[in-house]
Structures are given as C-alpha cells and as structure tokens.
Amino acid sequence: IIVTSESGKTNIYNVNVIREPIKSALLASLNVEDFLLEPEFHKGILEYFINVPNEITSLNLNYVTEDDQAVVTILGNENFNIGMNEVHVNVTRVVTNDEVLENDYIIYVNRQMSTNNYLDTLFLSNGVLSPLFNKEVNNYYAVVPNNIDEIEVFATTEDNTSKITTGVGKHSLDPGLNTIQVKVRSSVGITRVY
C-alpha cells in the first residue's frame, strides 16, 4: 500500500497474507475408465453405482485428491463376484498426530451374470470326434469298435460360472447310432446342447 501525504511524502506499507494450505481428505475428481458413475461425481457425494458386464472383474480408476498431502487406498477392486461388489476409495490426510481427516468413497459395482454357455473342451474315452472340437459346432460323430459297449464323455466349460447339466460321464452303448447330449447352462440360464 502506498500512501502519499499532501506534502508529497510517500510511505510504503507491505501487507503479507499467508494463506494456510488446504487440509482435505476429499477427492477433486474420480472417474472409471469406460464407465459412468451414477450419480455424476461431486467431492461431497461418497456413494456411487455402476453396472459392468460379466467379463469385467476390476475397474480402472482415475482420481485426483483435493490435497496433495492426502493418501488414497483402494480396497475391493479385484476379482468381482457376480452381483453387487464394493470398491472403497479411502482418502486420508494426517494434519497432526491428533487430527486425521478421512473420507471413504464407495463405488457399488454390479457385475452382470454371464450368457456364456460354451464348452472349452469335449472329448471321449474311446474314438475321435469328427469334426475336431470347436465350441461353436454342436454336432459331432465318433466311430468305435463293436467290442466297446461303454464310453465316457469328458467336457469342461469355457466360463467357470456356467454348468454342464447332463452328458458327461459314462454311457452304455447299443449297436448302431447312440446319441449323447451334453448340455451347458450359462449363469443366466441359457442352455446350449452339444
């Protein structure tokens, strides 16, 4: 501040203002790569929802803290189960030994059920499948000698949430054509028959 008197004498006064640094355990931004949070992010809202397809088992999170001294810890962002999961984005700011600020942002992640009802493998104890196994081909043939009166069917699912409901195991064989159906049901209940 410069003050000049009527006589022309000038005095300069300096005012130093020190702004205290921010002390916050809030996020300035939070987003999930390829997905939208509901509701839209606001630093004061601590709970969010998101729906993801079955193949998503973790989120790619991007965040910025409001305070550079704050520490972020993320919990629950791996190996999502089918259905509702919780991802915790915990923000902690230690101000003094006696003062710790903390906020826990929660993202509720709904992982959808799978529609995958494909087999990963299919083979027999005797004989060779024709054509060679391909998950998208549903009909196969195998020829076995006349002295084989029992065959075992082996199969595994491509998706570990789907189930083989019938067809694997031992089957008695009659002379001539024998039809064995291997049924695979996805976690949402869609059945594929091989």
C-alpha atoms as a PDB file:
ATOM      1  CA  ILE A   1       0.000   0.000   0.000  1.00  0.00           C
ATOM      2  CA  ILE A   2       1.453   3.373  -0.971  1.00  0.00           C
ATOM      3  CA  VAL A   3       0.346   6.432   0.986  1.00  0.00           C
ATOM      4  CA  THR A   4       1.321   9.913  -0.162  1.00  0.00           C
ATOM      5  CA  SER A   5       0.792  12.943   2.124  1.00  0.00           C
ATOM      6  CA  GLU A   6      -0.237  16.430   0.953  1.00  0.00           C
ATOM      7  CA  SER A   7       3.382  17.457   1.323  1.00  0.00           C
ATOM      8  CA  GLY A   8       4.430  14.731  -1.090  1.00  0.00           C
ATOM      9  CA  LYS A   9       5.990  12.385   1.402  1.00  0.00           C
ATOM     10  CA  THR A  10       5.405   8.754   0.452  1.00  0.00           C
ATOM     11  CA  ASN A  11       5.203   5.794   2.801  1.00  0.00           C
ATOM     12  CA  ILE A  12       5.009   2.230   1.556  1.00  0.00           C
ATOM     13  CA  TYR A  13       3.302  -0.352   3.679  1.00  0.00           C
ATOM     14  CA  ASN A  14       3.575  -4.043   2.894  1.00  0.00           C
ATOM     15  CA  VAL A  15       0.837  -6.426   3.922  1.00  0.00           C
ATOM     16  CA  ASN A  16       1.837 -10.063   3.754  1.00  0.00           C
ATOM     17  CA  VAL A  17      -1.034 -12.516   3.599  1.00  0.00           C
ATOM     18  CA  ILE A  18      -0.311 -16.137   4.290  1.00  0.00           C
ATOM     19  CA  ARG A  19      -2.982 -18.492   3.100  1.00  0.00           C
ATOM     20  CA  GLU A  20      -2.993 -21.720   5.036  1.00  0.00           C
ATOM     21  CA  PRO A  21      -2.579 -24.806   2.867  1.00  0.00           C
ATOM     22  CA  ILE A  22      -5.685 -26.854   2.234  1.00  0.00           C
ATOM     23  CA  LYS A  23      -6.295 -29.663   4.681  1.00  0.00           C
ATOM     24  CA  SER A  24      -8.658 -32.068   2.990  1.00  0.00           C
ATOM     25  CA  ALA A  25      -9.465 -35.741   2.698  1.00  0.00           C
ATOM     26  CA  LEU A  26     -11.677 -35.197  -0.345  1.00  0.00           C
ATOM     27  CA  LEU A  27     -11.204 -36.083  -3.971  1.00  0.00           C
ATOM     28  CA  ALA A  28     -11.209 -33.342  -6.594  1.00  0.00           C
ATOM     29  CA  SER A  29     -12.118 -35.881  -9.283  1.00  0.00           C
ATOM     30  CA  LEU A  30     -12.975 -39.564  -9.626  1.00  0.00           C
ATOM     31  CA  ASN A  31     -13.862 -41.488 -12.760  1.00  0.00           C
ATOM     32  CA  VAL A  32     -13.920 -45.052 -14.028  1.00  0.00           C
ATOM     33  CA  GLU A  33     -12.387 -45.751 -17.409  1.00  0.00           C
ATOM     34  CA  ASP A  34     -15.074 -46.792 -19.958  1.00  0.00           C
ATOM     35  CA  PHE A  35     -17.968 -46.446 -17.466  1.00  0.00           C
ATOM     36  CA  LEU A  36     -20.037 -43.629 -15.950  1.00  0.00           C
ATOM     37  CA  LEU A  37     -20.582 -43.188 -12.235  1.00  0.00           C
ATOM     38  CA  GLU A  38     -24.133 -42.663 -11.025  1.00  0.00           C
ATOM     39  CA  PRO A  39     -24.636 -40.021  -9.800  1.00  0.00           C
ATOM     40  CA  GLU A  40     -22.041 -37.867 -11.553  1.00  0.00           C
ATOM     41  CA  PHE A  41     -19.000 -37.278  -9.339  1.00  0.00           C
ATOM     42  CA  HIS A  42     -19.069 -34.495  -6.763  1.00  0.00           C
ATOM     43  CA  LYS A  43     -16.482 -34.351  -3.987  1.00  0.00           C
ATOM     44  CA  GLY A  44     -19.191 -34.271  -1.312  1.00  0.00           C
ATOM     45  CA  ILE A  45     -21.034 -37.366  -2.557  1.00  0.00           C
ATOM     46  CA  LEU A  46     -19.493 -40.508  -1.088  1.00  0.00           C
ATOM     47  CA  GLU A  47     -21.564 -43.308  -2.727  1.00  0.00           C
ATOM     48  CA  TYR A  48     -21.781 -44.200  -6.430  1.00  0.00           C
ATOM     49  CA  PHE A  49     -23.215 -47.016  -8.548  1.00  0.00           C
ATOM     50  CA  ILE A  50     -22.016 -48.659 -11.739  1.00  0.00           C
ATOM     51  CA  ASN A  51     -23.108 -51.677 -13.834  1.00  0.00           C
ATOM     52  CA  VAL A  52     -20.436 -53.699 -15.620  1.00  0.00           C
ATOM     53  CA  PRO A  53     -20.633 -56.706 -17.950  1.00  0.00           C
ATOM     54  CA  ASN A  54     -19.643 -60.150 -16.737  1.00  0.00           C
ATOM     55  CA  GLU A  55     -16.134 -60.058 -18.225  1.00  0.00           C
ATOM     56  CA  ILE A  56     -15.156 -57.074 -16.022  1.00  0.00           C
ATOM     57  CA  THR A  57     -13.521 -58.197 -12.762  1.00  0.00           C
ATOM     58  CA  SER A  58     -11.899 -54.896 -11.710  1.00  0.00           C
ATOM     59  CA  LEU A  59     -12.108 -51.183 -12.533  1.00  0.00           C
ATOM     60  CA  ASN A  60      -9.538 -48.774 -13.963  1.00  0.00           C
ATOM     61  CA  LEU A  61      -9.919 -45.847 -11.570  1.00  0.00           C
ATOM     62  CA  ASN A  62      -8.627 -42.316 -12.164  1.00  0.00           C
ATOM     63  CA  TYR A  63      -8.669 -39.843  -9.285  1.00  0.00           C
ATOM     64  CA  VAL A  64      -7.088 -36.611  -8.071  1.00  0.00           C
ATOM     65  CA  THR A  65      -7.006 -35.594  -4.409  1.00  0.00           C
ATOM     66  CA  GLU A  66      -8.007 -32.092  -3.375  1.00  0.00           C
ATOM     67  CA  ASP A  67      -4.976 -32.001  -1.038  1.00  0.00           C
ATOM     68  CA  ASP A  68      -1.582 -33.110  -2.372  1.00  0.00           C
ATOM     69  CA  GLN A  69      -0.727 -34.433   1.108  1.00  0.00           C
ATOM     70  CA  ALA A  70      -3.700 -36.836   1.169  1.00  0.00           C
ATOM     71  CA  VAL A  71      -3.119 -40.578   0.713  1.00  0.00           C
ATOM     72  CA  VAL A  72      -5.508 -42.806  -1.253  1.00  0.00           C
ATOM     73  CA  THR A  73      -6.038 -46.502  -0.511  1.00  0.00           C
ATOM     74  CA  ILE A  74      -8.239 -48.638  -2.764  1.00  0.00           C
ATOM     75  CA  LEU A  75      -9.873 -51.802  -1.430  1.00  0.00           C
ATOM     76  CA  GLY A  76     -12.116 -54.374  -3.124  1.00  0.00           C
ATOM     77  CA  ASN A  77     -11.133 -53.581  -6.716  1.00  0.00           C
ATOM     78  CA  GLU A  78     -10.290 -57.114  -7.791  1.00  0.00           C
ATOM     79  CA  ASN A  79     -11.973 -60.430  -8.570  1.00  0.00           C
ATOM     80  CA  PHE A  80     -15.557 -59.103  -8.609  1.00  0.00           C
ATOM     81  CA  ASN A  81     -18.268 -61.633  -7.826  1.00  0.00           C
ATOM     82  CA  ILE A  82     -21.451 -61.871  -9.873  1.00  0.00           C
ATOM     83  CA  GLY A  83     -23.865 -59.314  -8.444  1.00  0.00           C
ATOM     84  CA  MET A  84     -23.057 -56.416  -6.104  1.00  0.00           C
ATOM     85  CA  ASN A  85     -19.465 -55.598  -5.121  1.00  0.00           C
ATOM     86  CA  GLU A  86     -17.998 -52.664  -3.183  1.00  0.00           C
ATOM     87  CA  VAL A  87     -14.893 -50.723  -4.174  1.00  0.00           C
ATOM     88  CA  HIS A  88     -13.645 -48.419  -1.400  1.00  0.00           C
ATOM     89  CA  VAL A  89     -11.561 -45.378  -2.303  1.00  0.00           C
ATOM     90  CA  ASN A  90     -10.304 -44.246   1.094  1.00  0.00           C
ATOM     91  CA  VAL A  91      -8.752 -40.775   1.326  1.00  0.00           C
ATOM     92  CA  THR A  92      -6.721 -39.953   4.458  1.00  0.00           C
ATOM     93  CA  ARG A  93      -4.984 -36.687   5.386  1.00  0.00           C
ATOM     94  CA  VAL A  94      -2.873 -36.600   8.559  1.00  0.00           C
ATOM     95  CA  VAL A  95      -2.856 -32.990   9.776  1.00  0.00           C
ATOM     96  CA  THR A  96      -1.275 -33.554  13.203  1.00  0.00           C
ATOM     97  CA  ASN A  97      -0.839 -36.543  15.492  1.00  0.00           C
ATOM     98  CA  ASP A  98      -4.216 -35.668  16.982  1.00  0.00           C
ATOM     99  CA  GLU A  99      -6.006 -34.633  13.799  1.00  0.00           C
ATOM    100  CA  VAL A 100      -6.633 -37.084  10.961  1.00  0.00           C
ATOM    101  CA  LEU A 101      -9.153 -36.368   8.214  1.00  0.00           C
ATOM    102  CA  GLU A 102     -10.694 -39.311   6.383  1.00  0.00           C
ATOM    103  CA  ASN A 103     -13.373 -39.981   3.769  1.00  0.00           C
ATOM    104  CA  ASP A 104     -14.418 -43.280   2.221  1.00  0.00           C
ATOM    105  CA  TYR A 105     -15.866 -43.099  -1.280  1.00  0.00           C
ATOM    106  CA  ILE A 106     -17.772 -46.286  -2.125  1.00  0.00           C
ATOM    107  CA  ILE A 107     -18.457 -47.463  -5.663  1.00  0.00           C
ATOM    108  CA  TYR A 108     -21.128 -50.176  -5.724  1.00  0.00           C
ATOM    109  CA  VAL A 109     -20.300 -52.331  -8.743  1.00  0.00           C
ATOM    110  CA  ASN A 110     -22.999 -54.628 -10.138  1.00  0.00           C
ATOM    111  CA  ARG A 111     -21.272 -57.341 -12.197  1.00  0.00           C
ATOM    112  CA  GLN A 112     -23.818 -58.889 -14.529  1.00  0.00           C
ATOM    113  CA  MET A 113     -24.289 -62.623 -14.958  1.00  0.00           C
ATOM    114  CA  SER A 114     -22.709 -64.358 -17.922  1.00  0.00           C
ATOM    115  CA  THR A 115     -24.516 -65.590 -21.030  1.00  0.00           C
ATOM    116  CA  ASN A 116     -21.513 -67.749 -21.984  1.00  0.00           C
ATOM    117  CA  ASN A 117     -22.640 -71.381 -22.375  1.00  0.00           C
ATOM    118  CA  TYR A 118     -19.766 -72.712 -24.486  1.00  0.00           C
ATOM    119  CA  LEU A 119     -17.661 -75.760 -23.796  1.00  0.00           C
ATOM    120  CA  ASP A 120     -13.912 -75.299 -23.646  1.00  0.00           C
ATOM    121  CA  THR A 121     -13.116 -78.982 -24.179  1.00  0.00           C
ATOM    122  CA  LEU A 122     -15.053 -82.048 -25.300  1.00  0.00           C
ATOM    123  CA  PHE A 123     -13.538 -85.499 -25.796  1.00  0.00           C
ATOM    124  CA  LEU A 124     -14.290 -89.213 -25.424  1.00  0.00           C
ATOM    125  CA  SER A 125     -12.584 -92.114 -23.670  1.00  0.00           C
ATOM    126  CA  ASN A 126     -12.692 -94.049 -26.997  1.00  0.00           C
ATOM    127  CA  GLY A 127     -12.928 -92.736 -30.534  1.00  0.00           C
ATOM    128  CA  VAL A 128     -12.162 -89.341 -32.033  1.00  0.00           C
ATOM    129  CA  LEU A 129     -14.692 -86.562 -32.523  1.00  0.00           C
ATOM    130  CA  SER A 130     -15.412 -85.573 -36.074  1.00  0.00           C
ATOM    131  CA  PRO A 131     -15.156 -82.750 -36.860  1.00  0.00           C
ATOM    132  CA  LEU A 132     -12.445 -81.705 -34.384  1.00  0.00           C
ATOM    133  CA  PHE A 133     -13.872 -79.876 -31.395  1.00  0.00           C
ATOM    134  CA  ASN A 134     -14.883 -76.263 -31.967  1.00  0.00           C
ATOM    135  CA  LYS A 135     -17.007 -74.555 -29.312  1.00  0.00           C
ATOM    136  CA  GLU A 136     -19.403 -73.188 -31.942  1.00  0.00           C
ATOM    137  CA  VAL A 137     -20.071 -76.572 -33.572  1.00  0.00           C
ATOM    138  CA  ASN A 138     -22.816 -78.510 -31.813  1.00  0.00           C
ATOM    139  CA  ASN A 139     -22.914 -81.863 -33.681  1.00  0.00           C
ATOM    140  CA  TYR A 140     -20.148 -84.474 -33.676  1.00  0.00           C
ATOM    141  CA  TYR A 141     -19.691 -88.112 -34.669  1.00  0.00           C
ATOM    142  CA  ALA A 142     -17.346 -90.791 -33.423  1.00  0.00           C
ATOM    143  CA  VAL A 143     -16.969 -94.403 -34.545  1.00  0.00           C
ATOM    144  CA  VAL A 144     -15.905 -97.032 -32.014  1.00  0.00           C
ATOM    145  CA  PRO A 145     -15.247-100.762 -32.490  1.00  0.00           C
ATOM    146  CA  ASN A 146     -18.095-103.229 -31.882  1.00  0.00           C
ATOM    147  CA  ASN A 147     -16.456-104.583 -28.710  1.00  0.00           C
ATOM    148  CA  ILE A 148     -16.779-101.166 -26.964  1.00  0.00           C
ATOM    149  CA  ASP A 149     -20.040-101.211 -25.013  1.00  0.00           C
ATOM    150  CA  GLU A 150     -19.389 -98.154 -22.841  1.00  0.00           C
ATOM    151  CA  ILE A 151     -17.927 -94.720 -23.487  1.00  0.00           C
ATOM    152  CA  GLU A 152     -17.058 -91.849 -21.178  1.00  0.00           C
ATOM    153  CA  VAL A 153     -17.642 -88.230 -22.176  1.00  0.00           C
ATOM    154  CA  PHE A 154     -15.343 -85.547 -20.773  1.00  0.00           C
ATOM    155  CA  ALA A 155     -16.008 -81.811 -21.042  1.00  0.00           C
ATOM    156  CA  THR A 156     -15.134 -78.510 -19.399  1.00  0.00           C
ATOM    157  CA  THR A 157     -16.884 -75.151 -19.664  1.00  0.00           C
ATOM    158  CA  GLU A 158     -15.303 -72.039 -21.110  1.00  0.00           C
ATOM    159  CA  ASP A 159     -16.820 -69.850 -18.381  1.00  0.00           C
ATOM    160  CA  ASN A 160     -16.421 -71.046 -14.811  1.00  0.00           C
ATOM    161  CA  THR A 161     -19.888 -69.684 -13.913  1.00  0.00           C
ATOM    162  CA  SER A 162     -21.644 -71.942 -16.433  1.00  0.00           C
ATOM    163  CA  LYS A 163     -22.569 -75.551 -15.592  1.00  0.00           C
ATOM    164  CA  ILE A 164     -22.691 -78.820 -17.507  1.00  0.00           C
ATOM    165  CA  THR A 165     -26.110 -80.196 -16.585  1.00  0.00           C
ATOM    166  CA  THR A 166     -26.116 -83.512 -18.488  1.00  0.00           C
ATOM    167  CA  GLY A 167     -23.978 -85.682 -20.723  1.00  0.00           C
ATOM    168  CA  VAL A 168     -20.599 -86.045 -19.066  1.00  0.00           C
ATOM    169  CA  GLY A 169     -19.630 -89.347 -17.512  1.00  0.00           C
ATOM    170  CA  LYS A 170     -20.115 -92.979 -18.596  1.00  0.00           C
ATOM    171  CA  HIS A 171     -22.736 -94.037 -21.143  1.00  0.00           C
ATOM    172  CA  SER A 172     -23.725 -97.555 -22.234  1.00  0.00           C
ATOM    173  CA  LEU A 173     -23.598 -98.094 -25.997  1.00  0.00           C
ATOM    174  CA  ASP A 174     -26.014-100.139 -28.083  1.00  0.00           C
ATOM    175  CA  PRO A 175     -25.006-101.401 -31.544  1.00  0.00           C
ATOM    176  CA  GLY A 176     -25.692 -98.693 -34.143  1.00  0.00           C
ATOM    177  CA  LEU A 177     -26.326 -94.989 -33.578  1.00  0.00           C
ATOM    178  CA  ASN A 178     -26.203 -93.689 -29.985  1.00  0.00           C
ATOM    179  CA  THR A 179     -26.955 -90.038 -29.259  1.00  0.00           C
ATOM    180  CA  ILE A 180     -25.430 -88.392 -26.203  1.00  0.00           C
ATOM    181  CA  GLN A 181     -26.372 -84.830 -25.413  1.00  0.00           C
ATOM    182  CA  VAL A 182     -24.041 -82.596 -23.414  1.00  0.00           C
ATOM    183  CA  LYS A 183     -25.984 -79.617 -22.082  1.00  0.00           C
ATOM    184  CA  VAL A 184     -24.301 -76.436 -20.825  1.00  0.00           C
ATOM    185  CA  ARG A 185     -26.283 -73.774 -18.935  1.00  0.00           C
ATOM    186  CA  SER A 186     -24.948 -70.216 -18.560  1.00  0.00           C
ATOM    187  CA  SER A 187     -25.281 -68.393 -15.261  1.00  0.00           C
ATOM    188  CA  VAL A 188     -28.325 -66.523 -16.639  1.00  0.00           C
ATOM    189  CA  GLY A 189     -29.976 -69.857 -17.589  1.00  0.00           C
ATOM    190  CA  ILE A 190     -29.404 -70.107 -21.354  1.00  0.00           C
ATOM    191  CA  THR A 191     -28.741 -73.730 -22.402  1.00  0.00           C
ATOM    192  CA  ARG A 192     -26.592 -74.934 -25.308  1.00  0.00           C
ATOM    193  CA  VAL A 193     -26.760 -78.589 -26.438  1.00  0.00           C
ATOM    194  CA  TYR A 194     -23.782 -80.432 -27.956  1.00  0.00           C
END
